[in-house]
Amino acid sequence: MFRALAVLRVVVLGYTVALNAYRNNFEHPVLGWACVGLMVVATFVSIPVYAAPERRLPAVLLADLALAVGLLLATPVVKGEWFNATIPGYWIVGALLAWAVRYGWRGGTAAAVVLGAVDLLTRSEVHQKDWGNVFLLLLGGSMLGFVCESLKQMAAERDRAQREAAAASERARLARVVHDGVLQVLALVQRRGGELGGEAAELGRLAGEQEQALRTLIRSQQAVTASTAAESARTADLAALLGPLDARPGTEVALPAGAVPLPADAAAELVAVVRACLDNVERHVGPGAPAWILLEDLGDRVEVSVRDEGPGIPEGRLAAAEAEGRMGVSESIRGRVRDLGGTATLDTGSYGTEWVLVVPREQGSSR
């Protein structure tokens, strides 16, 4: 959507520049063409800024909207009190649609109200076409925002369904491997142990118990899959879930003032990641070693930092552990966060270790 918006910005910029050049009805030509130049610069600066999701911050969108408002307010000064058309003209739809794409119908409607009100208030006389233009702003901002919200929800549901399908396929593959290998070996040990008697009979009995437990575990995966969809539909307060972790000796937890809602399954996974980080502190730094947890609500995503002041992780140690099959960091931390569509960044050295866990609020939105 933002790539399409970049093309639209260039198109409306070309139209606006051509229209101002054709009319050339500035009372103050220097100021007028300075405003046109400002629109050109702002357009080509906004394209790379909006291209990166991490740069679509509230401050950027506010600056975009403020520039459109400022150009509307400058029109009566540059063109005179009895102007007919504003300097930016249709160029203001760039900021309007950016708000609609980023914040949905609420953002699109709010931006349309601000731009429409400023446009009307700067005019000495309001004509029927001016009301019509404001109506189109309101209609376009709210409708496009609604469509963008629907597309985001559909994308999140699609990604969730793809993850669940991939997980189900992997479980089926593992079930076949287990059935063809482990279960058959356990059944053989059970049968041969009974035939041999003595200590072998006890070994066979234990193998039979493990075979039955493993078969039960495989069958239970279907129930887990069915419950996943219902679980993901619920929300949980991540701040409330992280708060009790300060009961661990030496741990301090810093939380926002309000609730931080996340899908319940994502919140539970993120708490499990934080616990894994604390377990590493306990194991490698020492029982009761100081650790700090910081939760930040960044609007479209949440960020959790877990920091300690231990000796750090030696270079190459994590790669060696993964090569040896010890998957604590790669799966318990990075793997879990990756499955949530987020990132887990490690900063370590002689000053300590810090994990920065970033998870999108809408699962699948960062993919």
Protein backbone atom coordinates (compact mmCIF):
# COMPACT_ATOMS: atom_id res chain seq x y z
CA MET A 1 0.00 0.00 0.00
CA PHE A 2 2.81 2.44 0.77
CA ARG A 3 4.52 1.60 -2.54
CA ALA A 4 1.29 2.44 -4.36
CA LEU A 5 1.02 5.62 -2.28
CA ALA A 6 4.53 6.63 -3.39
CA VAL A 7 3.43 6.46 -7.03
CA LEU A 8 0.28 8.46 -6.23
CA ARG A 9 2.34 11.14 -4.47
CA VAL A 10 4.47 11.66 -7.58
CA VAL A 11 1.41 11.82 -9.82
CA VAL A 12 -0.43 14.42 -7.72
CA LEU A 13 2.79 16.39 -7.27
CA GLY A 14 3.21 16.63 -11.05
CA TYR A 15 -0.41 17.75 -11.43
CA THR A 16 -0.07 20.35 -8.65
CA VAL A 17 3.17 21.82 -10.02
CA ALA A 18 1.71 22.02 -13.53
CA LEU A 19 -1.48 23.66 -12.25
CA ASN A 20 0.39 26.28 -10.22
CA ALA A 21 2.62 27.03 -13.20
CA TYR A 22 -0.39 27.39 -15.49
CA ARG A 23 -2.29 29.69 -13.12
CA ASN A 24 0.74 31.55 -11.72
CA ASN A 25 -1.61 33.71 -9.65
CA PHE A 26 0.62 34.35 -6.65
CA GLU A 27 0.56 37.79 -5.03
CA HIS A 28 3.97 36.86 -3.64
CA PRO A 29 5.64 34.75 -6.35
CA VAL A 30 8.81 34.04 -4.36
CA LEU A 31 6.84 32.63 -1.43
CA GLY A 32 4.54 30.77 -3.80
CA TRP A 33 7.30 28.97 -5.65
CA ALA A 34 9.08 28.30 -2.35
CA CYS A 35 5.93 26.44 -1.25
CA VAL A 36 5.91 24.48 -4.52
CA GLY A 37 9.59 23.62 -4.05
CA LEU A 38 8.86 22.49 -0.51
CA MET A 39 6.22 20.08 -1.83
CA VAL A 40 8.70 18.65 -4.34
CA VAL A 41 11.34 18.08 -1.66
CA ALA A 42 8.85 16.64 0.82
CA THR A 43 7.47 14.21 -1.78
CA PHE A 44 10.83 12.73 -2.70
CA VAL A 45 11.97 12.59 0.93
CA SER A 46 8.77 10.83 2.04
CA ILE A 47 9.10 7.99 -0.49
CA PRO A 48 12.24 6.33 1.06
CA VAL A 49 11.07 7.21 4.58
CA TYR A 50 7.74 5.42 4.18
CA ALA A 51 9.38 2.53 2.29
CA ALA A 52 10.82 1.10 5.54
CA PRO A 53 8.20 -0.07 8.09
CA GLU A 54 10.40 0.83 11.06
CA ARG A 55 10.48 4.47 9.91
CA ARG A 56 6.69 4.89 9.74
CA LEU A 57 6.63 6.43 13.19
CA PRO A 58 3.84 8.64 14.57
CA ALA A 59 6.18 11.65 14.43
CA VAL A 60 6.73 11.10 10.69
CA LEU A 61 3.01 10.95 9.95
CA LEU A 62 2.37 14.00 12.13
CA ALA A 63 5.06 15.94 10.25
CA ASP A 64 3.53 14.86 6.94
CA LEU A 65 0.07 16.05 8.01
CA ALA A 66 1.46 19.25 9.56
CA LEU A 67 3.18 20.16 6.30
CA ALA A 68 -0.10 19.77 4.36
CA VAL A 69 -1.90 21.90 6.96
CA GLY A 70 0.86 24.52 6.83
CA LEU A 71 0.61 24.84 3.05
CA LEU A 72 -3.16 25.26 3.31
CA LEU A 73 -2.69 28.01 5.92
CA ALA A 74 -0.06 29.71 3.76
CA THR A 75 -2.39 29.96 0.76
CA PRO A 76 -4.25 33.19 1.74
CA VAL A 77 -0.91 34.83 2.58
CA VAL A 78 0.73 33.84 -0.72
CA LYS A 79 -2.27 34.14 -3.06
CA GLY A 80 -4.32 36.77 -1.31
CA GLU A 81 -7.45 36.60 0.81
CA TRP A 82 -9.80 35.94 -2.12
CA PHE A 83 -7.96 32.93 -3.54
CA ASN A 84 -9.91 30.31 -5.43
CA ALA A 85 -7.67 27.21 -5.18
CA THR A 86 -5.15 26.32 -2.48
CA ILE A 87 -1.43 26.00 -3.23
CA PRO A 88 -1.14 22.26 -2.46
CA GLY A 89 -4.43 21.32 -4.13
CA TYR A 90 -4.71 17.55 -4.49
CA TRP A 91 -1.18 17.11 -3.07
CA ILE A 92 -2.65 16.92 0.44
CA VAL A 93 -4.15 13.49 -0.32
CA GLY A 94 -0.66 12.02 0.13
CA ALA A 95 -0.71 12.78 3.86
CA LEU A 96 -4.39 11.83 4.11
CA LEU A 97 -3.88 8.40 2.56
CA ALA A 98 -0.71 7.76 4.59
CA TRP A 99 -2.81 8.15 7.74
CA ALA A 100 -5.50 5.89 6.30
CA VAL A 101 -3.02 3.14 5.39
CA ARG A 102 -1.15 3.35 8.70
CA TYR A 103 -4.03 3.85 11.16
CA GLY A 104 -7.07 2.50 9.31
CA TRP A 105 -10.41 4.23 8.97
CA ARG A 106 -9.98 6.13 12.24
CA GLY A 107 -6.68 7.65 11.11
CA GLY A 108 -8.04 8.42 7.63
CA THR A 109 -11.14 10.08 9.04
CA ALA A 110 -9.16 12.13 11.59
CA ALA A 111 -6.73 13.39 8.92
CA ALA A 112 -9.65 14.23 6.59
CA VAL A 113 -11.39 16.21 9.33
CA VAL A 114 -8.24 18.22 10.07
CA LEU A 115 -7.45 18.95 6.42
CA GLY A 116 -11.08 19.71 5.53
CA ALA A 117 -11.56 22.04 8.50
CA VAL A 118 -8.36 23.97 7.74
CA ASP A 119 -9.27 24.25 4.06
CA LEU A 120 -12.69 25.73 4.89
CA LEU A 121 -11.44 28.04 7.64
CA THR A 122 -8.79 29.65 5.41
CA ARG A 123 -11.41 30.74 2.83
CA SER A 124 -13.18 34.07 2.99
CA GLU A 125 -16.09 32.57 1.10
CA VAL A 126 -17.01 28.88 1.08
CA HIS A 127 -18.65 27.66 -2.12
CA GLN A 128 -20.53 24.48 -2.89
CA LYS A 129 -17.50 22.89 -4.58
CA ASP A 130 -15.47 23.47 -1.41
CA TRP A 131 -17.98 21.47 0.65
CA GLY A 132 -17.86 18.80 -2.04
CA ASN A 133 -14.06 18.59 -1.80
CA VAL A 134 -14.23 18.16 1.98
CA PHE A 135 -16.85 15.44 1.58
CA LEU A 136 -14.55 13.59 -0.85
CA LEU A 137 -11.68 13.87 1.65
CA LEU A 138 -13.84 12.34 4.39
CA LEU A 139 -15.14 9.61 2.10
CA GLY A 140 -11.73 8.72 0.67
CA GLY A 141 -9.92 8.72 4.03
CA SER A 142 -12.47 6.59 5.85
CA MET A 143 -13.12 4.11 3.02
CA LEU A 144 -9.47 3.53 2.17
CA GLY A 145 -8.67 3.19 5.87
CA PHE A 146 -11.39 0.56 6.22
CA VAL A 147 -10.05 -1.37 3.22
CA CYS A 148 -6.49 -1.27 4.61
CA GLU A 149 -7.64 -2.56 7.99
CA SER A 150 -9.47 -5.42 6.27
CA LEU A 151 -6.41 -6.29 4.19
CA LYS A 152 -4.17 -6.31 7.27
CA GLN A 153 -6.57 -8.60 9.10
CA MET A 154 -6.80 -10.93 6.10
CA ALA A 155 -2.99 -11.02 5.81
CA ALA A 156 -2.64 -11.82 9.52
CA GLU A 157 -5.21 -14.61 9.28
CA ARG A 158 -3.53 -15.98 6.14
CA ASP A 159 -0.10 -16.03 7.81
CA ARG A 160 -1.58 -17.67 10.90
CA ALA A 161 -3.23 -20.34 8.77
CA GLN A 162 0.02 -20.95 6.89
CA ARG A 163 1.95 -21.34 10.15
CA GLU A 164 -0.65 -23.75 11.52
CA ALA A 165 -0.63 -25.75 8.27
CA ALA A 166 3.17 -25.91 8.33
CA ALA A 167 3.14 -26.99 11.98
CA ALA A 168 0.52 -29.68 11.26
CA SER A 169 2.59 -30.94 8.33
CA GLU A 170 5.71 -31.08 10.48
CA ARG A 171 3.87 -32.96 13.22
CA ALA A 172 2.60 -35.45 10.67
CA ARG A 173 6.13 -35.95 9.35
CA LEU A 174 7.51 -36.44 12.86
CA ALA A 175 4.67 -38.83 13.67
CA ARG A 176 5.62 -40.97 10.67
CA VAL A 177 9.29 -40.93 11.68
CA VAL A 178 8.40 -41.87 15.25
CA HIS A 179 6.03 -44.60 14.12
CA ASP A 180 8.51 -46.08 11.66
CA GLY A 181 11.42 -45.95 14.07
CA VAL A 182 10.99 -45.29 17.77
CA LEU A 183 7.61 -46.98 18.27
CA GLN A 184 8.67 -50.11 16.42
CA VAL A 185 11.88 -50.34 18.46
CA LEU A 186 9.93 -49.90 21.72
CA ALA A 187 7.46 -52.58 20.66
CA LEU A 188 10.34 -54.92 19.80
CA VAL A 189 12.02 -54.29 23.18
CA GLN A 190 8.72 -54.97 24.96
CA ARG A 191 8.18 -58.26 23.12
CA ARG A 192 11.76 -59.53 23.43
CA GLY A 193 11.96 -58.50 27.08
CA GLY A 194 8.90 -60.59 27.88
CA GLU A 195 10.42 -63.56 26.04
CA LEU A 196 13.78 -63.31 27.83
CA GLY A 197 12.36 -62.76 31.34
CA GLY A 198 14.28 -61.54 34.37
CA GLU A 199 15.66 -58.01 34.19
CA ALA A 200 14.87 -57.96 30.49
CA ALA A 201 11.19 -58.39 31.32
CA GLU A 202 11.26 -55.24 33.47
CA LEU A 203 13.00 -53.39 30.65
CA GLY A 204 10.32 -54.62 28.27
CA ARG A 205 7.59 -53.41 30.62
CA LEU A 206 9.12 -49.93 30.76
CA ALA A 207 9.46 -49.88 26.97
CA GLY A 208 5.76 -50.75 26.69
CA GLU A 209 4.80 -47.89 28.99
CA GLN A 210 6.88 -45.43 26.96
CA GLU A 211 5.39 -46.71 23.72
CA GLN A 212 1.88 -46.10 25.03
CA ALA A 213 2.82 -42.63 26.33
CA LEU A 214 4.38 -41.69 23.00
CA ARG A 215 1.31 -42.83 21.05
CA THR A 216 -0.89 -40.75 23.37
CA LEU A 217 1.34 -37.72 22.80
CA ILE A 218 1.08 -38.06 19.01
CA ARG A 219 -2.71 -38.33 19.15
CA SER A 220 -2.92 -35.27 21.42
CA GLN A 221 -1.30 -33.06 18.74
CA GLN A 222 -4.59 -32.94 16.85
CA ALA A 223 -6.32 -31.52 19.92
CA VAL A 224 -3.54 -28.94 20.31
CA THR A 225 -3.98 -27.86 16.68
CA ALA A 226 -7.74 -27.45 17.10
CA SER A 227 -7.34 -25.32 20.20
CA THR A 228 -4.72 -23.03 18.66
CA ALA A 229 -7.22 -21.03 16.58
CA ALA A 230 -9.49 -20.40 19.56
CA GLU A 231 -6.51 -19.44 21.72
CA SER A 232 -5.18 -16.94 19.18
CA ALA A 233 -8.54 -15.15 19.06
CA ARG A 234 -8.21 -14.12 22.73
CA THR A 235 -6.08 -11.26 24.01
CA ALA A 236 -3.98 -10.95 27.16
CA ASP A 237 -2.26 -8.11 28.99
CA LEU A 238 1.48 -8.68 28.49
CA ALA A 239 2.31 -6.22 31.27
CA ALA A 240 0.21 -8.20 33.77
CA LEU A 241 1.93 -11.44 32.70
CA LEU A 242 5.45 -10.02 33.03
CA GLY A 243 4.81 -8.28 36.36
CA PRO A 244 5.10 -11.42 38.56
CA LEU A 245 8.59 -12.12 37.22
CA ASP A 246 9.97 -9.56 39.69
CA ALA A 247 9.42 -12.23 42.36
CA ARG A 248 12.68 -13.80 41.17
CA PRO A 249 15.50 -12.59 43.45
CA GLY A 250 17.47 -9.79 41.82
CA THR A 251 14.97 -9.17 39.01
CA GLU A 252 13.48 -5.72 38.36
CA VAL A 253 10.56 -5.29 35.95
CA ALA A 254 9.70 -1.90 34.39
CA LEU A 255 6.24 -1.73 32.80
CA PRO A 256 4.10 0.93 31.07
CA ALA A 257 1.35 2.59 33.08
CA GLY A 258 -1.47 0.95 31.10
CA ALA A 259 -2.27 -2.47 29.73
CA VAL A 260 -0.32 -3.89 26.77
CA PRO A 261 -2.79 -6.17 24.95
CA LEU A 262 -1.49 -8.93 22.69
CA PRO A 263 -3.04 -12.11 21.27
CA ALA A 264 -3.07 -14.55 24.18
CA ASP A 265 -0.88 -17.15 22.49
CA ALA A 266 1.69 -14.50 21.46
CA ALA A 267 1.77 -13.05 24.99
CA ALA A 268 2.28 -16.52 26.50
CA GLU A 269 5.11 -17.28 24.06
CA LEU A 270 6.80 -13.95 24.78
CA VAL A 271 6.64 -14.55 28.52
CA ALA A 272 8.16 -18.01 27.93
CA VAL A 273 11.03 -16.34 26.01
CA VAL A 274 11.65 -13.90 28.88
CA ARG A 275 11.67 -16.83 31.34
CA ALA A 276 14.21 -18.60 29.12
CA CYS A 277 16.40 -15.48 29.22
CA LEU A 278 16.14 -15.39 33.03
CA ASP A 279 16.98 -19.10 33.20
CA ASN A 280 20.16 -18.36 31.27
CA VAL A 281 21.02 -15.61 33.74
CA GLU A 282 20.44 -18.05 36.61
CA ARG A 283 22.54 -20.74 34.94
CA HIS A 284 25.46 -18.74 33.58
CA VAL A 285 25.70 -15.70 35.90
CA GLY A 286 24.50 -17.20 39.15
CA PRO A 287 21.43 -17.62 41.39
CA GLY A 288 19.96 -14.26 42.33
CA ALA A 289 22.13 -12.39 39.81
CA PRO A 290 20.63 -8.96 38.95
CA ALA A 291 18.47 -8.83 35.83
CA TRP A 292 16.31 -6.08 34.38
CA ILE A 293 13.17 -6.46 32.25
CA LEU A 294 11.81 -3.45 30.34
CA LEU A 295 8.51 -3.56 28.43
CA GLU A 296 7.68 -0.81 25.88
CA ASP A 297 4.44 -0.40 23.95
CA LEU A 298 5.39 1.10 20.55
CA GLY A 299 1.90 1.10 19.04
CA ASP A 300 2.19 -1.37 16.18
CA ARG A 301 4.67 -3.55 18.11
CA VAL A 302 5.91 -4.32 21.60
CA GLU A 303 9.52 -4.45 22.70
CA VAL A 304 10.85 -6.38 25.69
CA SER A 305 14.46 -5.99 26.87
CA VAL A 306 16.09 -8.48 29.25
CA ARG A 307 19.49 -7.37 30.55
CA ASP A 308 22.07 -8.66 33.00
CA GLU A 309 25.58 -7.61 34.07
CA GLY A 310 27.25 -10.99 33.76
CA PRO A 311 30.48 -11.84 31.90
CA GLY A 312 28.71 -12.01 28.54
CA ILE A 313 28.61 -14.83 25.99
CA PRO A 314 31.96 -15.75 24.43
CA GLU A 315 32.18 -15.35 20.66
CA GLY A 316 31.25 -18.53 18.81
CA ARG A 317 29.68 -20.20 21.83
CA LEU A 318 26.10 -20.02 20.54
CA ALA A 319 27.09 -21.40 17.13
CA ALA A 320 28.99 -24.24 18.77
CA ALA A 321 26.04 -25.06 21.05
CA GLU A 322 23.66 -25.18 18.07
CA ALA A 323 26.08 -27.42 16.15
CA GLU A 324 26.14 -29.79 19.12
CA GLY A 325 22.34 -29.97 19.15
CA ARG A 326 21.82 -27.76 22.21
CA MET A 327 19.00 -25.54 20.94
CA GLY A 328 18.24 -23.40 24.02
CA VAL A 329 18.98 -20.02 22.45
CA SER A 330 18.18 -20.85 18.83
CA GLU A 331 14.75 -22.34 19.60
CA SER A 332 13.64 -21.27 23.09
CA ILE A 333 14.46 -17.62 22.35
CA ARG A 334 15.07 -16.86 18.67
CA GLY A 335 12.82 -19.61 17.34
CA ARG A 336 9.84 -18.59 19.46
CA VAL A 337 10.16 -14.91 18.56
CA ARG A 338 10.64 -15.75 14.88
CA ASP A 339 7.43 -17.82 14.91
CA LEU A 340 5.62 -14.72 16.21
CA GLY A 341 6.88 -12.70 13.22
CA GLY A 342 9.31 -10.72 15.39
CA THR A 343 13.03 -10.35 15.97
CA ALA A 344 15.35 -11.28 18.84
CA THR A 345 18.55 -9.20 18.92
CA LEU A 346 21.47 -10.11 21.18
CA ASP A 347 24.00 -7.60 22.51
CA THR A 348 26.72 -9.16 24.64
CA GLY A 349 30.18 -8.40 25.91
CA SER A 350 32.19 -8.01 29.09
CA TYR A 351 29.54 -5.51 30.25
CA GLY A 352 26.81 -8.16 30.27
CA THR A 353 24.11 -9.51 27.99
CA GLU A 354 20.94 -7.90 26.66
CA TRP A 355 18.17 -9.48 24.60
CA VAL A 356 15.84 -7.12 22.72
CA LEU A 357 12.64 -8.91 21.69
CA VAL A 358 10.38 -7.10 19.21
CA VAL A 359 7.00 -8.62 18.32
CA PRO A 360 4.33 -7.05 16.05
CA ARG A 361 1.00 -6.38 17.75
CA GLU A 362 -0.89 -7.95 14.83
CA GLN A 363 0.61 -11.37 14.23
CA GLY A 364 1.87 -11.69 10.67
CA SER A 365 1.96 -7.95 10.01
CA SER A 366 5.73 -7.80 9.77
CA ARG A 367 6.00 -10.55 7.24
